[in-house]
């Protein structure tokens, strides 16, 4: 199943943290923080007041910094995904 975000929204798959630290300590789910990075899976379509399409600053495949709390979490095909407005993304991680 595919999702096409509407408006200025971006569909992101959060990158999960490892469950075990370098020292071998296993971190329980209750102690984990929400992922702060994610991979862009799809972008919506922004239009200006004249109906012309405005280019997004992010594109499919980009790794982005997510806000700690924000967006809408959804579950699709067993994966946790997040719908976030482009303006709420904190940055793009360039490699």
PDB file of N, CA and C in Angstrom:
ATOM      1  N   UNK A   1       0.840  -1.176   0.000  1.00  0.00           N
ATOM      2  CA  UNK A   1       0.000   0.000   0.000  1.00  0.00           C
ATOM      3  C   UNK A   1       0.885   1.239   0.000  1.00  0.00           C
ATOM      4  N   UNK A   2       0.547   2.214  -0.807  1.00  0.00           N
ATOM      5  CA  UNK A   2       1.300   3.470  -0.887  1.00  0.00           C
ATOM      6  C   UNK A   2       0.475   4.610  -0.320  1.00  0.00           C
ATOM      7  N   UNK A   3       1.178   5.576   0.252  1.00  0.00           N
ATOM      8  CA  UNK A   3       0.521   6.777   0.760  1.00  0.00           C
ATOM      9  C   UNK A   3       1.156   7.975   0.078  1.00  0.00           C
ATOM     10  N   UNK A   4       0.332   8.876  -0.420  1.00  0.00           N
ATOM     11  CA  UNK A   4       0.788  10.151  -0.977  1.00  0.00           C
ATOM     12  C   UNK A   4       0.343  11.231  -0.017  1.00  0.00           C
ATOM     13  N   UNK A   5       1.300  11.854   0.680  1.00  0.00           N
ATOM     14  CA  UNK A   5       0.924  12.913   1.622  1.00  0.00           C
ATOM     15  C   UNK A   5       0.229  14.064   0.895  1.00  0.00           C
ATOM     16  N   UNK A   6      -0.679  14.711   1.576  1.00  0.00           N
ATOM     17  CA  UNK A   6      -1.388  15.858   1.012  1.00  0.00           C
ATOM     18  C   UNK A   6      -0.751  17.155   1.490  1.00  0.00           C
ATOM     19  N   UNK A   7      -0.861  18.165   0.661  1.00  0.00           N
ATOM     20  CA  UNK A   7      -0.363  19.491   1.028  1.00  0.00           C
ATOM     21  C   UNK A   7       1.131  19.502   1.263  1.00  0.00           C
ATOM     22  N   UNK A   8       1.534  20.178   2.329  1.00  0.00           N
ATOM     23  CA  UNK A   8       2.958  20.338   2.628  1.00  0.00           C
ATOM     24  C   UNK A   8       3.481  19.280   3.586  1.00  0.00           C
ATOM     25  N   UNK A   9       2.850  18.121   3.601  1.00  0.00           N
ATOM     26  CA  UNK A   9       3.255  17.059   4.521  1.00  0.00           C
ATOM     27  C   UNK A   9       4.293  16.140   3.880  1.00  0.00           C
ATOM     28  N   UNK A  10       5.101  15.528   4.752  1.00  0.00           N
ATOM     29  CA  UNK A  10       6.162  14.620   4.343  1.00  0.00           C
ATOM     30  C   UNK A  10       5.983  13.322   5.122  1.00  0.00           C
ATOM     31  N   UNK A  11       6.072  12.177   4.441  1.00  0.00           N
ATOM     32  CA  UNK A  11       5.987  10.869   5.090  1.00  0.00           C
ATOM     33  C   UNK A  11       7.402  10.409   5.397  1.00  0.00           C
ATOM     34  N   UNK A  12       7.674  10.146   6.682  1.00  0.00           N
ATOM     35  CA  UNK A  12       9.019   9.804   7.131  1.00  0.00           C
ATOM     36  C   UNK A  12       8.981   8.482   7.880  1.00  0.00           C
ATOM     37  N   UNK A  13       9.999   7.644   7.641  1.00  0.00           N
ATOM     38  CA  UNK A  13      10.178   6.418   8.418  1.00  0.00           C
ATOM     39  C   UNK A  13      11.269   6.697   9.440  1.00  0.00           C
ATOM     40  N   UNK A  14      10.904   6.805  10.729  1.00  0.00           N
ATOM     41  CA  UNK A  14      11.912   7.083  11.759  1.00  0.00           C
ATOM     42  C   UNK A  14      12.956   5.980  11.820  1.00  0.00           C
ATOM     43  N   UNK A  15      14.211   6.364  12.044  1.00  0.00           N
ATOM     44  CA  UNK A  15      15.303   5.414  12.190  1.00  0.00           C
ATOM     45  C   UNK A  15      15.349   5.009  13.654  1.00  0.00           C
ATOM     46  N   UNK A  16      15.149   3.724  13.904  1.00  0.00           N
ATOM     47  CA  UNK A  16      15.134   3.221  15.280  1.00  0.00           C
ATOM     48  C   UNK A  16      16.549   3.122  15.839  1.00  0.00           C
ATOM     49  N   UNK A  17      16.672   3.388  17.148  1.00  0.00           N
ATOM     50  CA  UNK A  17      17.953   3.254  17.818  1.00  0.00           C
ATOM     51  C   UNK A  17      18.235   1.780  18.077  1.00  0.00           C
ATOM     52  N   UNK A  18      19.522   1.467  18.258  1.00  0.00           N
ATOM     53  CA  UNK A  18      19.897   0.096  18.588  1.00  0.00           C
ATOM     54  C   UNK A  18      19.389  -0.245  19.974  1.00  0.00           C
ATOM     55  N   UNK A  19      19.039  -1.528  20.164  1.00  0.00           N
ATOM     56  CA  UNK A  19      18.518  -1.955  21.461  1.00  0.00           C
ATOM     57  C   UNK A  19      19.612  -2.292  22.455  1.00  0.00           C
ATOM     58  N   UNK A  20      20.865  -2.343  21.997  1.00  0.00           N
ATOM     59  CA  UNK A  20      21.957  -2.708  22.883  1.00  0.00           C
ATOM     60  C   UNK A  20      23.070  -1.677  22.741  1.00  0.00           C
ATOM     61  N   UNK A  21      23.648  -1.266  23.857  1.00  0.00           N
ATOM     62  CA  UNK A  21      24.726  -0.295  23.824  1.00  0.00           C
ATOM     63  C   UNK A  21      26.035  -0.988  23.478  1.00  0.00           C
ATOM     64  N   UNK A  22      27.074  -0.196  23.269  1.00  0.00           N
ATOM     65  CA  UNK A  22      28.391  -0.749  22.946  1.00  0.00           C
ATOM     66  C   UNK A  22      28.887  -1.650  24.071  1.00  0.00           C
ATOM     67  N   UNK A  23      28.584  -1.293  25.296  1.00  0.00           N
ATOM     68  CA  UNK A  23      29.019  -2.081  26.452  1.00  0.00           C
ATOM     69  C   UNK A  23      28.188  -3.331  26.684  1.00  0.00           C
ATOM     70  N   UNK A  24      27.166  -3.553  25.867  1.00  0.00           N
ATOM     71  CA  UNK A  24      26.363  -4.766  25.989  1.00  0.00           C
ATOM     72  C   UNK A  24      25.099  -4.606  26.810  1.00  0.00           C
ATOM     73  N   UNK A  25      24.816  -3.404  27.291  1.00  0.00           N
ATOM     74  CA  UNK A  25      23.615  -3.185  28.091  1.00  0.00           C
ATOM     75  C   UNK A  25      22.416  -3.086  27.159  1.00  0.00           C
ATOM     76  N   UNK A  26      21.382  -3.857  27.446  1.00  0.00           N
ATOM     77  CA  UNK A  26      20.169  -3.833  26.634  1.00  0.00           C
ATOM     78  C   UNK A  26      19.232  -2.764  27.184  1.00  0.00           C
ATOM     79  N   UNK A  27      18.760  -1.894  26.298  1.00  0.00           N
ATOM     80  CA  UNK A  27      17.899  -0.777  26.699  1.00  0.00           C
ATOM     81  C   UNK A  27      16.436  -1.185  26.526  1.00  0.00           C
ATOM     82  N   UNK A  28      15.639  -1.141  27.610  1.00  0.00           N
ATOM     83  CA  UNK A  28      14.218  -1.500  27.483  1.00  0.00           C
ATOM     84  C   UNK A  28      13.447  -0.429  26.712  1.00  0.00           C
ATOM     85  N   UNK A  29      12.309  -0.819  26.129  1.00  0.00           N
ATOM     86  CA  UNK A  29      11.493   0.116  25.352  1.00  0.00           C
ATOM     87  C   UNK A  29      11.080   1.339  26.149  1.00  0.00           C
ATOM     88  N   UNK A  30      10.827   1.163  27.437  1.00  0.00           N
ATOM     89  CA  UNK A  30      10.358   2.283  28.257  1.00  0.00           C
ATOM     90  C   UNK A  30      11.429   3.356  28.440  1.00  0.00           C
ATOM     91  N   UNK A  31      12.702   3.001  28.257  1.00  0.00           N
ATOM     92  CA  UNK A  31      13.783   3.963  28.457  1.00  0.00           C
ATOM     93  C   UNK A  31      14.251   4.598  27.157  1.00  0.00           C
ATOM     94  N   UNK A  32      13.763   4.109  26.041  1.00  0.00           N
ATOM     95  CA  UNK A  32      14.194   4.641  24.748  1.00  0.00           C
ATOM     96  C   UNK A  32      13.532   5.981  24.470  1.00  0.00           C
ATOM     97  N   UNK A  33      14.285   6.857  23.833  1.00  0.00           N
ATOM     98  CA  UNK A  33      13.712   8.120  23.393  1.00  0.00           C
ATOM     99  C   UNK A  33      13.172   7.951  21.987  1.00  0.00           C
ATOM    100  N   UNK A  34      12.278   8.847  21.613  1.00  0.00           N
ATOM    101  CA  UNK A  34      11.743   8.811  20.251  1.00  0.00           C
ATOM    102  C   UNK A  34      12.874   9.082  19.267  1.00  0.00           C
ATOM    103  N   UNK A  35      12.836   8.425  18.105  1.00  0.00           N
ATOM    104  CA  UNK A  35      13.869   8.676  17.101  1.00  0.00           C
ATOM    105  C   UNK A  35      13.868  10.132  16.666  1.00  0.00           C
ATOM    106  N   UNK A  36      15.057  10.657  16.456  1.00  0.00           N
ATOM    107  CA  UNK A  36      15.189  12.051  16.035  1.00  0.00           C
ATOM    108  C   UNK A  36      15.567  12.159  14.559  1.00  0.00           C
ATOM    109  N   UNK A  37      15.789  11.008  13.905  1.00  0.00           N
ATOM    110  CA  UNK A  37      16.130  11.011  12.493  1.00  0.00           C
ATOM    111  C   UNK A  37      15.173  10.103  11.747  1.00  0.00           C
ATOM    112  N   UNK A  38      15.016  10.365  10.469  1.00  0.00           N
ATOM    113  CA  UNK A  38      14.157   9.521   9.668  1.00  0.00           C
ATOM    114  C   UNK A  38      14.471   9.669   8.190  1.00  0.00           C
ATOM    115  N   UNK A  39      13.969   8.715   7.412  1.00  0.00           N
ATOM    116  CA  UNK A  39      14.172   8.719   5.969  1.00  0.00           C
ATOM    117  C   UNK A  39      12.874   9.139   5.293  1.00  0.00           C
ATOM    118  N   UNK A  40      12.953  10.096   4.386  1.00  0.00           N
ATOM    119  CA  UNK A  40      11.776  10.589   3.667  1.00  0.00           C
ATOM    120  C   UNK A  40      11.322   9.531   2.665  1.00  0.00           C
ATOM    121  N   UNK A  41      10.057   9.110   2.788  1.00  0.00           N
ATOM    122  CA  UNK A  41       9.487   8.121   1.879  1.00  0.00           C
ATOM    123  C   UNK A  41       8.661   8.762   0.775  1.00  0.00           C
ATOM    124  N   UNK A  42       8.015   9.892   1.079  1.00  0.00           N
ATOM    125  CA  UNK A  42       7.162  10.567   0.094  1.00  0.00           C
ATOM    126  C   UNK A  42       6.933  12.004   0.539  1.00  0.00           C
ATOM    127  N   UNK A  43       6.674  12.867  -0.436  1.00  0.00           N
ATOM    128  CA  UNK A  43       6.348  14.264  -0.140  1.00  0.00           C
ATOM    129  C   UNK A  43       5.035  14.618  -0.824  1.00  0.00           C
ATOM    130  N   UNK A  44       4.341  15.593  -0.268  1.00  0.00           N
ATOM    131  CA  UNK A  44       3.067  16.042  -0.830  1.00  0.00           C
ATOM    132  C   UNK A  44       3.294  17.015  -1.971  1.00  0.00           C
ATOM    133  N   UNK A  45       2.341  17.904  -2.152  1.00  0.00           N
ATOM    134  CA  UNK A  45       2.424  18.893  -3.231  1.00  0.00           C
ATOM    135  C   UNK A  45       2.004  20.243  -2.660  1.00  0.00           C
ATOM    136  N   UNK A  46       2.956  21.195  -2.629  1.00  0.00           N
ATOM    137  CA  UNK A  46       2.663  22.539  -2.135  1.00  0.00           C
ATOM    138  C   UNK A  46       2.289  23.425  -3.303  1.00  0.00           C
ATOM    139  N   UNK A  47       1.279  24.227  -3.111  1.00  0.00           N
ATOM    140  CA  UNK A  47       0.854  25.172  -4.144  1.00  0.00           C
ATOM    141  C   UNK A  47       0.872  26.586  -3.575  1.00  0.00           C
ATOM    142  N   UNK A  48       1.251  27.553  -4.422  1.00  0.00           N
ATOM    143  CA  UNK A  48       1.181  28.940  -3.981  1.00  0.00           C
ATOM    144  C   UNK A  48      -0.240  29.462  -4.204  1.00  0.00           C
ATOM    145  N   UNK A  49      -0.468  30.740  -3.907  1.00  0.00           N
ATOM    146  CA  UNK A  49      -1.831  31.278  -4.004  1.00  0.00           C
ATOM    147  C   UNK A  49      -2.359  31.306  -5.431  1.00  0.00           C
ATOM    148  N   UNK A  50      -1.457  31.220  -6.428  1.00  0.00           N
ATOM    149  CA  UNK A  50      -1.876  31.191  -7.831  1.00  0.00           C
ATOM    150  C   UNK A  50      -2.047  29.767  -8.364  1.00  0.00           C
ATOM    151  N   UNK A  51      -1.825  28.774  -7.497  1.00  0.00           N
ATOM    152  CA  UNK A  51      -1.984  27.383  -7.906  1.00  0.00           C
ATOM    153  C   UNK A  51      -0.755  26.767  -8.537  1.00  0.00           C
ATOM    154  N   UNK A  52       0.372  27.484  -8.520  1.00  0.00           N
ATOM    155  CA  UNK A  52       1.617  26.937  -9.064  1.00  0.00           C
ATOM    156  C   UNK A  52       2.311  26.095  -7.997  1.00  0.00           C
ATOM    157  N   UNK A  53       2.920  24.985  -8.437  1.00  0.00           N
ATOM    158  CA  UNK A  53       3.588  24.080  -7.504  1.00  0.00           C
ATOM    159  C   UNK A  53       4.882  24.690  -6.984  1.00  0.00           C
ATOM    160  N   UNK A  54       5.103  24.566  -5.668  1.00  0.00           N
ATOM    161  CA  UNK A  54       6.311  25.052  -5.008  1.00  0.00           C
ATOM    162  C   UNK A  54       7.168  23.835  -4.673  1.00  0.00           C
ATOM    163  N   UNK A  55       8.453  23.922  -4.972  1.00  0.00           N
ATOM    164  CA  UNK A  55       9.368  22.808  -4.729  1.00  0.00           C
ATOM    165  C   UNK A  55       9.631  22.653  -3.230  1.00  0.00           C
ATOM    166  N   UNK A  56       9.658  21.399  -2.766  1.00  0.00           N
ATOM    167  CA  UNK A  56      10.003  21.093  -1.376  1.00  0.00           C
ATOM    168  C   UNK A  56      11.512  21.235  -1.182  1.00  0.00           C
ATOM    169  N   UNK A  57      11.926  21.498   0.061  1.00  0.00           N
ATOM    170  CA  UNK A  57      13.348  21.523   0.404  1.00  0.00           C
ATOM    171  C   UNK A  57      13.892  20.113   0.608  1.00  0.00           C
ATOM    172  N   UNK A  58      13.007  19.138   0.822  1.00  0.00           N
ATOM    173  CA  UNK A  58      13.421  17.745   1.004  1.00  0.00           C
ATOM    174  C   UNK A  58      12.868  16.915  -0.147  1.00  0.00           C
ATOM    175  N   UNK A  59      13.504  15.769  -0.367  1.00  0.00           N
ATOM    176  CA  UNK A  59      13.046  14.873  -1.427  1.00  0.00           C
ATOM    177  C   UNK A  59      13.078  13.436  -0.914  1.00  0.00           C
ATOM    178  N   UNK A  60      12.438  12.558  -1.638  1.00  0.00           N
ATOM    179  CA  UNK A  60      12.401  11.144  -1.281  1.00  0.00           C
ATOM    180  C   UNK A  60      13.835  10.632  -1.156  1.00  0.00           C
ATOM    181  N   UNK A  61      14.102   9.913  -0.057  1.00  0.00           N
ATOM    182  CA  UNK A  61      15.433   9.358   0.183  1.00  0.00           C
ATOM    183  C   UNK A  61      16.294  10.181   1.119  1.00  0.00           C
ATOM    184  N   UNK A  62      15.936  11.460   1.364  1.00  0.00           N
ATOM    185  CA  UNK A  62      16.707  12.304   2.282  1.00  0.00           C
ATOM    186  C   UNK A  62      16.588  11.782   3.711  1.00  0.00           C
ATOM    187  N   UNK A  63      17.655  11.965   4.491  1.00  0.00           N
ATOM    188  CA  UNK A  63      17.612  11.695   5.924  1.00  0.00           C
ATOM    189  C   UNK A  63      17.418  13.033   6.614  1.00  0.00           C
ATOM    190  N   UNK A  64      16.380  13.124   7.444  1.00  0.00           N
ATOM    191  CA  UNK A  64      16.018  14.402   8.063  1.00  0.00           C
ATOM    192  C   UNK A  64      16.019  14.299   9.583  1.00  0.00           C
ATOM    193  N   UNK A  65      16.151  15.458  10.223  1.00  0.00           N
ATOM    194  CA  UNK A  65      16.021  15.557  11.677  1.00  0.00           C
ATOM    195  C   UNK A  65      14.562  15.855  12.000  1.00  0.00           C
ATOM    196  N   UNK A  66      13.993  15.036  12.867  1.00  0.00           N
ATOM    197  CA  UNK A  66      12.582  15.171  13.235  1.00  0.00           C
ATOM    198  C   UNK A  66      12.444  15.910  14.556  1.00  0.00           C
ATOM    199  N   UNK A  67      11.338  16.605  14.752  1.00  0.00           N
ATOM    200  CA  UNK A  67      11.091  17.194  16.069  1.00  0.00           C
ATOM    201  C   UNK A  67      10.807  16.081  17.060  1.00  0.00           C
ATOM    202  N   UNK A  68      11.170  16.300  18.307  1.00  0.00           N
ATOM    203  CA  UNK A  68      10.972  15.266  19.325  1.00  0.00           C
ATOM    204  C   UNK A  68       9.490  14.927  19.473  1.00  0.00           C
ATOM    205  N   UNK A  69       8.653  15.926  19.495  1.00  0.00           N
ATOM    206  CA  UNK A  69       7.209  15.709  19.596  1.00  0.00           C
ATOM    207  C   UNK A  69       6.543  16.498  18.481  1.00  0.00           C
ATOM    208  N   UNK A  70       5.871  15.828  17.615  1.00  0.00           N
ATOM    209  CA  UNK A  70       5.209  16.511  16.523  1.00  0.00           C
ATOM    210  C   UNK A  70       4.865  15.533  15.425  1.00  0.00           C
ATOM    211  N   UNK A  71       4.060  15.966  14.510  1.00  0.00           N
ATOM    212  CA  UNK A  71       3.642  15.092  13.430  1.00  0.00           C
ATOM    213  C   UNK A  71       2.583  14.109  13.893  1.00  0.00           C
ATOM    214  N   UNK A  72       2.193  13.237  12.997  1.00  0.00           N
ATOM    215  CA  UNK A  72       1.182  12.227  13.285  1.00  0.00           C
ATOM    216  C   UNK A  72       1.775  10.854  13.022  1.00  0.00           C
ATOM    217  N   UNK A  73       1.780  10.010  14.050  1.00  0.00           N
ATOM    218  CA  UNK A  73       2.300   8.660  13.890  1.00  0.00           C
ATOM    219  C   UNK A  73       1.228   7.774  13.272  1.00  0.00           C
ATOM    220  N   UNK A  74       1.628   6.973  12.283  1.00  0.00           N
ATOM    221  CA  UNK A  74       0.719   6.009  11.673  1.00  0.00           C
ATOM    222  C   UNK A  74       1.437   4.676  11.572  1.00  0.00           C
ATOM    223  N   UNK A  75       0.669   3.613  11.428  1.00  0.00           N
ATOM    224  CA  UNK A  75       1.239   2.288  11.248  1.00  0.00           C
ATOM    225  C   UNK A  75       0.750   1.765   9.908  1.00  0.00           C
ATOM    226  N   UNK A  76       1.676   1.355   9.044  1.00  0.00           N
ATOM    227  CA  UNK A  76       1.340   0.881   7.714  1.00  0.00           C
ATOM    228  C   UNK A  76       2.184  -0.353   7.409  1.00  0.00           C
ATOM    229  N   UNK A  77       1.530  -1.449   7.103  1.00  0.00           N
ATOM    230  CA  UNK A  77       2.222  -2.708   6.818  1.00  0.00           C
ATOM    231  C   UNK A  77       3.193  -3.083   7.933  1.00  0.00           C
ATOM    232  N   UNK A  78       2.821  -2.836   9.173  1.00  0.00           N
ATOM    233  CA  UNK A  78       3.643  -3.195  10.323  1.00  0.00           C
ATOM    234  C   UNK A  78       4.775  -2.225  10.624  1.00  0.00           C
ATOM    235  N   UNK A  79       4.911  -1.154   9.854  1.00  0.00           N
ATOM    236  CA  UNK A  79       5.966  -0.163  10.087  1.00  0.00           C
ATOM    237  C   UNK A  79       5.371   1.070  10.743  1.00  0.00           C
ATOM    238  N   UNK A  80       6.125   1.656  11.674  1.00  0.00           N
ATOM    239  CA  UNK A  80       5.721   2.919  12.278  1.00  0.00           C
ATOM    240  C   UNK A  80       6.252   4.044  11.402  1.00  0.00           C
ATOM    241  N   UNK A  81       5.358   4.876  10.918  1.00  0.00           N
ATOM    242  CA  UNK A  81       5.720   6.001  10.066  1.00  0.00           C
ATOM    243  C   UNK A  81       5.220   7.287  10.705  1.00  0.00           C
ATOM    244  N   UNK A  82       5.707   8.413  10.215  1.00  0.00           N
ATOM    245  CA  UNK A  82       5.312   9.701  10.771  1.00  0.00           C
ATOM    246  C   UNK A  82       5.009  10.674   9.631  1.00  0.00           C
ATOM    247  N   UNK A  83       3.849  11.327   9.715  1.00  0.00           N
ATOM    248  CA  UNK A  83       3.487  12.392   8.782  1.00  0.00           C
ATOM    249  C   UNK A  83       3.795  13.719   9.466  1.00  0.00           C
ATOM    250  N   UNK A  84       4.670  14.507   8.833  1.00  0.00           N
ATOM    251  CA  UNK A  84       5.138  15.755   9.429  1.00  0.00           C
ATOM    252  C   UNK A  84       5.026  16.861   8.389  1.00  0.00           C
ATOM    253  N   UNK A  85       4.659  18.054   8.822  1.00  0.00           N
ATOM    254  CA  UNK A  85       4.679  19.206   7.920  1.00  0.00           C
ATOM    255  C   UNK A  85       6.144  19.523   7.611  1.00  0.00           C
ATOM    256  N   UNK A  86       6.408  19.911   6.372  1.00  0.00           N
ATOM    257  CA  UNK A  86       7.791  20.208   5.990  1.00  0.00           C
ATOM    258  C   UNK A  86       8.390  21.296   6.880  1.00  0.00           C
ATOM    259  N   UNK A  87       7.606  22.283   7.235  1.00  0.00           N
ATOM    260  CA  UNK A  87       8.121  23.391   8.064  1.00  0.00           C
ATOM    261  C   UNK A  87       8.510  22.933   9.469  1.00  0.00           C
ATOM    262  N   UNK A  88       8.022  21.761   9.915  1.00  0.00           N
ATOM    263  CA  UNK A  88       8.359  21.261  11.237  1.00  0.00           C
ATOM    264  C   UNK A  88       9.650  20.441  11.244  1.00  0.00           C
ATOM    265  N   UNK A  89      10.150  20.038  10.064  1.00  0.00           N
ATOM    266  CA  UNK A  89      11.416  19.314  10.004  1.00  0.00           C
ATOM    267  C   UNK A  89      12.526  20.256  10.417  1.00  0.00           C
ATOM    268  N   UNK A  90      13.503  19.714  11.148  1.00  0.00           N
ATOM    269  CA  UNK A  90      14.564  20.559  11.696  1.00  0.00           C
ATOM    270  C   UNK A  90      15.768  20.715  10.783  1.00  0.00           C
ATOM    271  N   UNK A  91      15.975  19.769   9.880  1.00  0.00           N
ATOM    272  CA  UNK A  91      17.109  19.858   8.976  1.00  0.00           C
ATOM    273  C   UNK A  91      17.263  18.597   8.148  1.00  0.00           C
ATOM    274  N   UNK A  92      18.163  18.667   7.164  1.00  0.00           N
ATOM    275  CA  UNK A  92      18.489  17.538   6.316  1.00  0.00           C
ATOM    276  C   UNK A  92      19.925  17.129   6.638  1.00  0.00           C
ATOM    277  N   UNK A  93      20.145  15.838   6.860  1.00  0.00           N
ATOM    278  CA  UNK A  93      21.496  15.331   7.142  1.00  0.00           C
ATOM    279  C   UNK A  93      22.141  15.020   5.802  1.00  0.00           C
ATOM    280  N   UNK A  94      23.189  15.760   5.486  1.00  0.00           N
ATOM    281  CA  UNK A  94      23.882  15.575   4.205  1.00  0.00           C
ATOM    282  C   UNK A  94      25.127  14.751   4.450  1.00  0.00           C
ATOM    283  N   UNK A  95      25.324  13.777   3.564  1.00  0.00           N
ATOM    284  CA  UNK A  95      26.470  12.874   3.744  1.00  0.00           C
ATOM    285  C   UNK A  95      27.541  13.156   2.730  1.00  0.00           C
TER     286      UNK A  95
END
